[in-house]
Amino acid sequence: MRNNVLFLTLKVFSATGGIEKVCRVAGKSLFEWTIREEKSIEVFCMHDRQEDADDNRYFPSEIFRGFAGGRIRLIWEAVKKGRTTDTVILSHINLLLVGWLIKLFSPKTKLVMFAHGIEIWGELSGLKKRMLKRCDIIVPVSQYTADRISEMHQWPASKMKVLNNCLDPFLPVGQPGIAIENLRQKYGLSKDNIILFTLTRLSSKERYKGYDKVLEALVELKKLYPTVRYLLAGSYDAEEKRHLDDMIARMGLTQDVLIPGFVAEEDLVTHFSMADLYVMPSMKEGFGIVFIEAMFYGLPVIAGNKDGSVDALSNGELGILVDPMDTQAILEAMSRILNNRDRFLPDREKLMELFSYEQYKNRFETLLAPTGQQVSA
């Protein structure tokens, strides 16, 4: 008996990054389609343990297999399963070897690969380029990523279909005032403080999120708005924390910047609800799920105009796009919003029209199907 869909992933439930969010939502979408169409699906995950899927809200744990880091075992089992599967979906280019092996034994299996951003923008080895050619469809999460794939790898547009990321259907819708007040007290903030918010990984090896430029702009912004504070949240490595501490001290911002480190997923809604503005002028964002989450919670957003952030802000319809290297442009954008915040509140109807889960599910099904048909594995 042939399997209809095999979804191969690196992590789904054991981490909280953007790619893991994509995998959870994509898995949910695929499962719902297979139920409706009386098809079958299995989800294989290289690094999650089997119990990581227990009690999840996205799809039944019965269709999930966690290999707990067992790379060779996953490759073996995936190739065996893939040989009798109609459609194999790779969640990341690092699973390309598995897809290539499956196509080697079963050329008729349809091979689909998600492309998120920086992992596919640059040069690939000759071997990886040859393996890439076995993909039937590449699914970039933004037009910027699609353009980079065309430019760097001469990939034909006819074999590429952009699918923007979406809002998680299980995002909590709001927070009571008491929770926000408690968080303010935890950080030593008052109701008079204006809070700028950035949520990202702070890495010494990935300094492209733009928070350094926000810090530079903050030096001038606090002259206009003395109560402004910058909440720069996310896990960090020791080297980057030292770098930031030195920069903040040198700029005289020690009392104005908070770096709390990792924020648990269940606490994010309170952080978004407490903030007045989300700002992250990145230069290498594949899409930026955090932007649409910030807008979901009603925050005006500032993003860079050189990467996939353009898709997340719908070419500037939902927020302000700036040159991420231009400190003055970032300063002016923040000043404009703080001077008249209501004018820059995101259009919720437009946000949901573009990035709701239901819209994502419909587009996902359509892009995997022959033109004019529903998705058919």
Protein backbone atom coordinates (compact mmCIF):
# COMPACT_ATOMS: atom_id res chain seq x y z
CA MET A 1 0.00 0.00 0.00
CA ARG A 2 1.41 3.39 -0.98
CA ASN A 3 1.72 6.22 1.50
CA ASN A 4 0.47 9.57 0.18
CA VAL A 5 2.62 12.14 2.02
CA LEU A 6 5.85 11.91 4.01
CA PHE A 7 6.88 15.13 5.76
CA LEU A 8 10.54 15.15 6.82
CA THR A 9 11.64 17.62 9.50
CA LEU A 10 14.63 18.46 11.68
CA LYS A 11 12.79 19.77 14.76
CA VAL A 12 9.09 20.36 15.35
CA PHE A 13 8.24 20.40 19.05
CA SER A 14 11.63 20.48 20.80
CA ALA A 15 12.46 24.08 19.79
CA THR A 16 10.56 27.34 19.37
CA GLY A 17 12.23 29.04 16.38
CA GLY A 18 10.61 30.23 13.19
CA ILE A 19 11.35 27.06 11.19
CA GLU A 20 9.86 24.89 13.95
CA LYS A 21 6.74 27.06 13.88
CA VAL A 22 6.53 26.54 10.12
CA CYS A 23 6.82 22.76 10.59
CA ARG A 24 4.05 22.64 13.19
CA VAL A 25 1.65 24.65 11.06
CA ALA A 26 2.57 22.84 7.84
CA GLY A 27 2.06 19.50 9.59
CA LYS A 28 -1.37 20.59 10.79
CA SER A 29 -2.33 21.78 7.33
CA LEU A 30 -1.19 18.56 5.65
CA PHE A 31 -2.94 16.38 8.22
CA GLU A 32 -6.24 18.22 7.76
CA TRP A 33 -5.97 17.85 4.00
CA THR A 34 -5.30 14.10 4.23
CA ILE A 35 -8.31 13.63 6.49
CA ARG A 36 -10.58 15.46 4.08
CA GLU A 37 -9.23 13.67 1.03
CA GLU A 38 -8.96 10.26 2.75
CA LYS A 39 -5.22 10.19 2.23
CA SER A 40 -2.40 9.27 4.61
CA ILE A 41 0.51 11.22 6.08
CA GLU A 42 3.51 10.52 8.29
CA VAL A 43 5.83 13.08 9.89
CA PHE A 44 9.44 12.02 10.53
CA CYS A 45 11.59 14.25 12.75
CA MET A 46 15.35 13.84 13.08
CA HIS A 47 15.99 15.52 16.44
CA ASP A 48 12.72 15.35 18.41
CA ARG A 49 12.01 12.47 20.73
CA GLN A 50 8.80 10.54 20.24
CA GLU A 51 7.33 11.93 23.46
CA ASP A 52 7.89 15.52 22.28
CA ALA A 53 4.76 15.14 20.17
CA ASP A 54 2.58 13.97 23.06
CA ASP A 55 -0.50 16.14 23.65
CA ASN A 56 0.41 18.58 20.89
CA ARG A 57 -2.47 20.51 19.30
CA TYR A 58 -1.32 20.38 15.68
CA PHE A 59 -1.71 16.76 14.58
CA PRO A 60 -2.04 13.34 16.20
CA SER A 61 1.14 11.94 17.73
CA GLU A 62 0.29 8.64 16.01
CA ILE A 63 1.45 10.03 12.64
CA PHE A 64 4.70 11.35 14.15
CA ARG A 65 8.01 9.54 14.50
CA GLY A 66 10.79 11.16 16.49
CA PHE A 67 14.30 9.82 15.91
CA ALA A 68 15.96 11.63 18.86
CA GLY A 69 19.02 12.67 16.86
CA GLY A 70 19.45 9.33 15.11
CA ARG A 71 20.43 10.67 11.69
CA ILE A 72 21.37 7.34 10.09
CA ARG A 73 18.22 5.67 11.37
CA LEU A 74 16.04 8.50 10.06
CA ILE A 75 17.71 8.31 6.63
CA TRP A 76 17.21 4.54 6.49
CA GLU A 77 13.57 4.65 7.56
CA ALA A 78 12.75 7.66 5.41
CA VAL A 79 14.21 6.10 2.27
CA LYS A 80 12.30 2.87 2.91
CA LYS A 81 9.07 4.79 3.43
CA GLY A 82 9.74 7.28 0.65
CA ARG A 83 10.06 4.55 -1.98
CA THR A 84 6.35 3.85 -1.54
CA THR A 85 5.24 7.46 -1.04
CA ASP A 86 3.65 9.74 -3.61
CA THR A 87 4.88 13.07 -2.20
CA VAL A 88 7.86 13.72 0.06
CA ILE A 89 8.17 17.18 1.61
CA LEU A 90 11.50 18.36 3.02
CA SER A 91 11.23 21.06 5.66
CA HIS A 92 14.85 22.18 5.20
CA ILE A 93 17.73 21.93 2.73
CA ASN A 94 19.68 19.93 5.32
CA LEU A 95 17.35 17.02 4.54
CA LEU A 96 18.19 17.16 0.84
CA LEU A 97 20.33 14.02 0.96
CA VAL A 98 17.33 12.02 2.14
CA GLY A 99 15.17 13.40 -0.65
CA TRP A 100 17.87 12.66 -3.24
CA LEU A 101 18.15 9.04 -2.06
CA ILE A 102 14.37 8.62 -2.22
CA LYS A 103 14.30 9.95 -5.80
CA LEU A 104 17.16 7.61 -6.67
CA PHE A 105 15.02 4.59 -5.77
CA SER A 106 11.65 6.08 -6.70
CA PRO A 107 11.96 8.69 -9.50
CA LYS A 108 8.18 9.14 -9.68
CA THR A 109 7.93 10.32 -6.07
CA LYS A 110 7.21 14.04 -6.04
CA LEU A 111 9.90 15.88 -4.04
CA VAL A 112 9.05 19.26 -2.51
CA MET A 113 11.46 21.37 -0.43
CA PHE A 114 10.83 24.41 1.76
CA ALA A 115 13.39 27.23 1.46
CA HIS A 116 13.41 29.60 4.41
CA GLY A 117 16.25 32.05 3.87
CA ILE A 118 19.95 32.28 4.58
CA GLU A 119 20.48 28.51 4.41
CA ILE A 120 19.88 28.57 0.64
CA TRP A 121 20.88 32.10 -0.38
CA GLY A 122 24.60 31.43 -0.75
CA GLU A 123 26.83 29.12 -2.74
CA LEU A 124 26.19 25.38 -2.52
CA SER A 125 28.65 22.58 -3.02
CA GLY A 126 28.63 20.81 -6.37
CA LEU A 127 27.10 17.74 -4.77
CA LYS A 128 24.33 19.72 -3.11
CA LYS A 129 23.57 21.49 -6.40
CA ARG A 130 23.17 18.12 -8.13
CA MET A 131 20.90 16.90 -5.36
CA LEU A 132 18.87 20.11 -5.52
CA LYS A 133 18.04 19.38 -9.16
CA ARG A 134 16.06 16.32 -8.06
CA CYS A 135 13.46 18.54 -6.39
CA ASP A 136 10.22 18.90 -8.33
CA ILE A 137 9.19 22.06 -6.50
CA ILE A 138 10.98 24.49 -4.18
CA VAL A 139 8.72 26.46 -1.85
CA PRO A 140 10.36 29.74 -0.74
CA VAL A 141 8.74 31.51 2.21
CA SER A 142 9.18 34.93 0.58
CA GLN A 143 9.65 36.50 -2.81
CA TYR A 144 13.10 37.69 -1.71
CA THR A 145 14.17 34.10 -1.03
CA ALA A 146 12.72 33.06 -4.40
CA ASP A 147 14.72 35.80 -6.14
CA ARG A 148 17.93 34.74 -4.39
CA ILE A 149 17.39 31.10 -5.38
CA SER A 150 16.90 32.12 -9.01
CA GLU A 151 20.00 34.32 -8.93
CA MET A 152 22.34 31.99 -7.06
CA HIS A 153 21.24 28.60 -8.37
CA GLN A 154 19.64 29.42 -11.74
CA TRP A 155 16.50 27.70 -10.55
CA PRO A 156 13.56 28.03 -12.98
CA ALA A 157 10.61 30.08 -11.78
CA SER A 158 8.25 27.39 -13.10
CA LYS A 159 9.54 25.01 -10.41
CA MET A 160 9.19 27.47 -7.54
CA LYS A 161 6.05 28.55 -5.67
CA VAL A 162 6.21 31.17 -2.92
CA LEU A 163 4.27 30.36 0.25
CA ASN A 164 4.46 33.05 2.92
CA ASN A 165 4.47 31.89 6.52
CA CYS A 166 1.35 32.42 8.59
CA LEU A 167 0.11 33.13 12.09
CA ASP A 168 -0.07 30.13 14.36
CA PRO A 169 -3.79 29.26 14.73
CA PHE A 170 -3.24 28.71 18.46
CA LEU A 171 -1.81 32.14 19.27
CA PRO A 172 -3.51 33.47 22.43
CA VAL A 173 -5.57 36.54 21.63
CA GLY A 174 -4.64 38.83 24.52
CA GLN A 175 -3.45 39.31 28.07
CA PRO A 176 -5.22 40.76 31.11
CA GLY A 177 -3.86 44.03 32.45
CA ILE A 178 -2.63 42.41 35.66
CA ALA A 179 -0.23 40.17 33.72
CA ILE A 180 1.18 43.18 31.87
CA GLU A 181 1.57 45.12 35.11
CA ASN A 182 3.37 42.20 36.72
CA LEU A 183 5.77 42.05 33.78
CA ARG A 184 6.41 45.80 34.04
CA GLN A 185 7.29 45.36 37.69
CA LYS A 186 9.59 42.44 36.88
CA TYR A 187 11.56 44.65 34.48
CA GLY A 188 11.41 47.75 36.66
CA LEU A 189 9.24 49.64 34.18
CA SER A 190 6.41 52.06 34.83
CA LYS A 191 3.31 52.93 32.82
CA ASP A 192 5.09 56.11 31.74
CA ASN A 193 7.77 54.17 29.91
CA ILE A 194 7.55 53.87 26.13
CA ILE A 195 8.72 50.36 25.24
CA LEU A 196 10.48 49.42 22.02
CA PHE A 197 10.61 45.66 21.54
CA THR A 198 12.86 43.32 19.54
CA LEU A 199 12.69 39.54 19.85
CA THR A 200 15.44 37.57 18.15
CA ARG A 201 18.41 35.31 18.70
CA LEU A 202 21.39 37.40 19.78
CA SER A 203 24.36 35.68 18.19
CA SER A 204 27.93 36.85 17.67
CA LYS A 205 27.91 34.87 14.41
CA GLU A 206 24.67 36.35 13.06
CA ARG A 207 24.82 40.11 13.54
CA TYR A 208 22.28 41.02 10.89
CA LYS A 209 19.09 41.57 12.91
CA GLY A 210 19.63 45.34 13.14
CA TYR A 211 19.44 45.78 16.91
CA ASP A 212 22.84 47.51 16.86
CA LYS A 213 21.35 50.18 14.59
CA VAL A 214 18.35 50.51 16.89
CA LEU A 215 20.75 51.15 19.78
CA GLU A 216 22.49 53.85 17.76
CA ALA A 217 19.13 55.48 16.97
CA LEU A 218 18.06 55.19 20.61
CA VAL A 219 20.81 57.62 21.66
CA GLU A 220 18.96 60.38 19.79
CA LEU A 221 15.44 59.06 20.36
CA LYS A 222 15.71 59.29 24.14
CA LYS A 223 16.39 63.03 23.78
CA LEU A 224 12.92 63.35 22.27
CA TYR A 225 11.26 60.73 24.47
CA PRO A 226 13.16 60.51 27.79
CA THR A 227 10.97 57.68 29.10
CA VAL A 228 11.70 55.36 26.18
CA ARG A 229 13.14 51.92 27.01
CA TYR A 230 14.40 49.21 24.66
CA LEU A 231 13.52 45.59 25.47
CA LEU A 232 15.93 43.43 23.46
CA ALA A 233 14.84 39.86 24.17
CA GLY A 234 15.95 36.43 22.99
CA SER A 235 18.56 33.81 23.78
CA TYR A 236 22.15 35.02 23.51
CA ASP A 237 25.68 33.66 23.52
CA ALA A 238 28.26 34.96 25.97
CA GLU A 239 30.33 36.76 23.33
CA GLU A 240 27.35 38.69 21.98
CA LYS A 241 26.18 39.61 25.48
CA ARG A 242 29.62 41.09 26.26
CA HIS A 243 29.59 42.92 22.93
CA LEU A 244 26.16 44.40 23.64
CA ASP A 245 26.99 45.33 27.23
CA ASP A 246 30.09 47.18 26.04
CA MET A 247 28.19 48.95 23.27
CA ILE A 248 25.34 49.96 25.60
CA ALA A 249 27.74 51.29 28.23
CA ARG A 250 29.75 53.22 25.63
CA MET A 251 26.57 54.85 24.32
CA GLY A 252 25.32 55.78 27.77
CA LEU A 253 22.26 53.53 27.48
CA THR A 254 22.75 51.31 30.53
CA GLN A 255 19.53 52.52 32.17
CA ASP A 256 17.57 52.45 28.91
CA VAL A 257 18.10 48.91 27.57
CA LEU A 258 16.90 45.59 28.99
CA ILE A 259 18.33 42.26 27.78
CA PRO A 260 16.33 39.56 29.60
CA GLY A 261 17.51 36.62 27.48
CA PHE A 262 15.26 33.76 26.41
CA VAL A 263 11.51 34.35 26.73
CA ALA A 264 9.31 31.26 27.01
CA GLU A 265 6.72 30.93 24.27
CA GLU A 266 3.84 31.13 26.74
CA ASP A 267 5.16 34.51 27.95
CA LEU A 268 5.49 36.13 24.54
CA VAL A 269 1.92 37.42 24.41
CA THR A 270 2.51 39.46 27.58
CA HIS A 271 5.71 40.95 26.15
CA PHE A 272 3.98 41.92 22.91
CA SER A 273 1.01 43.32 24.84
CA MET A 274 3.29 45.45 27.04
CA ALA A 275 5.26 46.97 24.15
CA ASP A 276 4.43 50.11 22.17
CA LEU A 277 6.44 49.38 19.03
CA TYR A 278 8.19 46.41 17.41
CA VAL A 279 11.42 47.24 15.60
CA MET A 280 13.86 44.87 13.88
CA PRO A 281 15.55 46.31 10.77
CA SER A 282 17.12 43.03 9.69
CA MET A 283 19.22 42.51 6.58
CA LYS A 284 18.91 38.72 6.19
CA GLU A 285 15.40 37.77 7.23
CA GLY A 286 13.88 34.92 5.24
CA PHE A 287 10.39 36.11 6.12
CA GLY A 288 10.03 37.10 9.76
CA ILE A 289 7.15 35.38 11.56
CA VAL A 290 7.81 37.64 14.54
CA PHE A 291 6.66 40.65 12.48
CA ILE A 292 3.22 39.24 11.79
CA GLU A 293 2.94 38.09 15.42
CA ALA A 294 3.72 41.63 16.60
CA MET A 295 1.06 43.00 14.25
CA PHE A 296 -1.40 40.37 15.46
CA TYR A 297 -1.02 41.92 18.91
CA GLY A 298 -1.59 45.40 17.52
CA LEU A 299 1.96 46.73 17.44
CA PRO A 300 3.23 49.16 14.82
CA VAL A 301 6.22 47.51 13.14
CA ILE A 302 9.49 48.72 11.61
CA ALA A 303 11.48 46.28 9.45
CA GLY A 304 14.28 46.33 6.90
CA ASN A 305 13.61 46.78 3.19
CA LYS A 306 16.39 44.50 1.92
CA ASP A 307 15.11 40.99 2.71
CA GLY A 308 12.04 38.82 3.25
CA SER A 309 10.67 41.31 5.78
CA VAL A 310 9.17 43.07 2.76
CA ASP A 311 6.73 40.15 2.35
CA ALA A 312 5.82 40.14 6.04
CA LEU A 313 4.95 43.84 5.91
CA SER A 314 3.20 43.47 2.53
CA ASN A 315 5.56 45.92 0.79
CA GLY A 316 5.00 48.52 3.49
CA GLU A 317 1.20 48.31 3.65
CA LEU A 318 1.28 46.89 7.17
CA GLY A 319 4.28 48.74 8.62
CA ILE A 320 7.31 50.89 7.88
CA LEU A 321 10.19 49.53 5.79
CA VAL A 322 13.56 51.26 6.19
CA ASP A 323 17.10 50.88 4.96
CA PRO A 324 18.55 48.66 7.71
CA MET A 325 21.96 50.37 7.45
CA ASP A 326 20.54 53.89 7.81
CA THR A 327 20.44 54.84 11.50
CA GLN A 328 18.78 58.17 10.71
CA ALA A 329 15.98 56.44 8.77
CA ILE A 330 15.38 54.10 11.72
CA LEU A 331 15.31 57.06 14.11
CA GLU A 332 12.85 58.94 11.93
CA ALA A 333 10.58 55.91 11.58
CA MET A 334 10.46 55.39 15.36
CA SER A 335 9.83 59.11 15.92
CA ARG A 336 6.98 59.15 13.40
CA ILE A 337 5.26 56.25 15.11
CA LEU A 338 5.71 57.54 18.64
CA ASN A 339 4.49 60.97 17.57
CA ASN A 340 1.20 59.52 16.24
CA ARG A 341 0.99 55.84 17.12
CA ASP A 342 -2.65 55.37 16.13
CA ARG A 343 -1.83 56.29 12.55
CA PHE A 344 0.58 53.35 12.25
CA LEU A 345 -1.45 50.60 13.88
CA PRO A 346 -1.54 47.58 11.55
CA ASP A 347 -4.61 46.85 9.46
CA ARG A 348 -5.89 43.69 11.16
CA GLU A 349 -8.26 42.79 8.32
CA LYS A 350 -5.40 42.99 5.81
CA LEU A 351 -3.13 41.03 8.15
CA MET A 352 -5.59 38.15 8.41
CA GLU A 353 -6.35 38.27 4.71
CA LEU A 354 -2.69 37.67 3.98
CA PHE A 355 -1.38 35.64 6.89
CA SER A 356 -4.16 33.74 8.63
CA TYR A 357 -3.83 29.98 8.99
CA GLU A 358 -6.86 29.36 6.78
CA GLN A 359 -5.33 31.38 3.95
CA TYR A 360 -2.05 29.49 4.39
CA LYS A 361 -3.78 26.13 4.28
CA ASN A 362 -5.63 26.98 1.08
CA ARG A 363 -2.47 28.21 -0.62
CA PHE A 364 -0.44 25.23 0.57
CA GLU A 365 -2.93 22.80 -0.93
CA THR A 366 -3.08 24.74 -4.19
CA LEU A 367 0.67 25.02 -4.73
CA LEU A 368 1.20 21.28 -4.35
CA ALA A 369 -1.51 20.45 -6.86
CA PRO A 370 -1.61 20.58 -10.65
CA THR A 371 -2.91 23.92 -11.90
CA GLY A 372 -6.57 24.40 -11.19
CA GLN A 373 -6.85 21.37 -8.93
CA GLN A 374 -6.74 20.79 -5.21
CA VAL A 375 -3.57 19.32 -3.78
CA SER A 376 -3.22 15.72 -4.87
CA ALA A 377 -0.48 13.53 -3.55
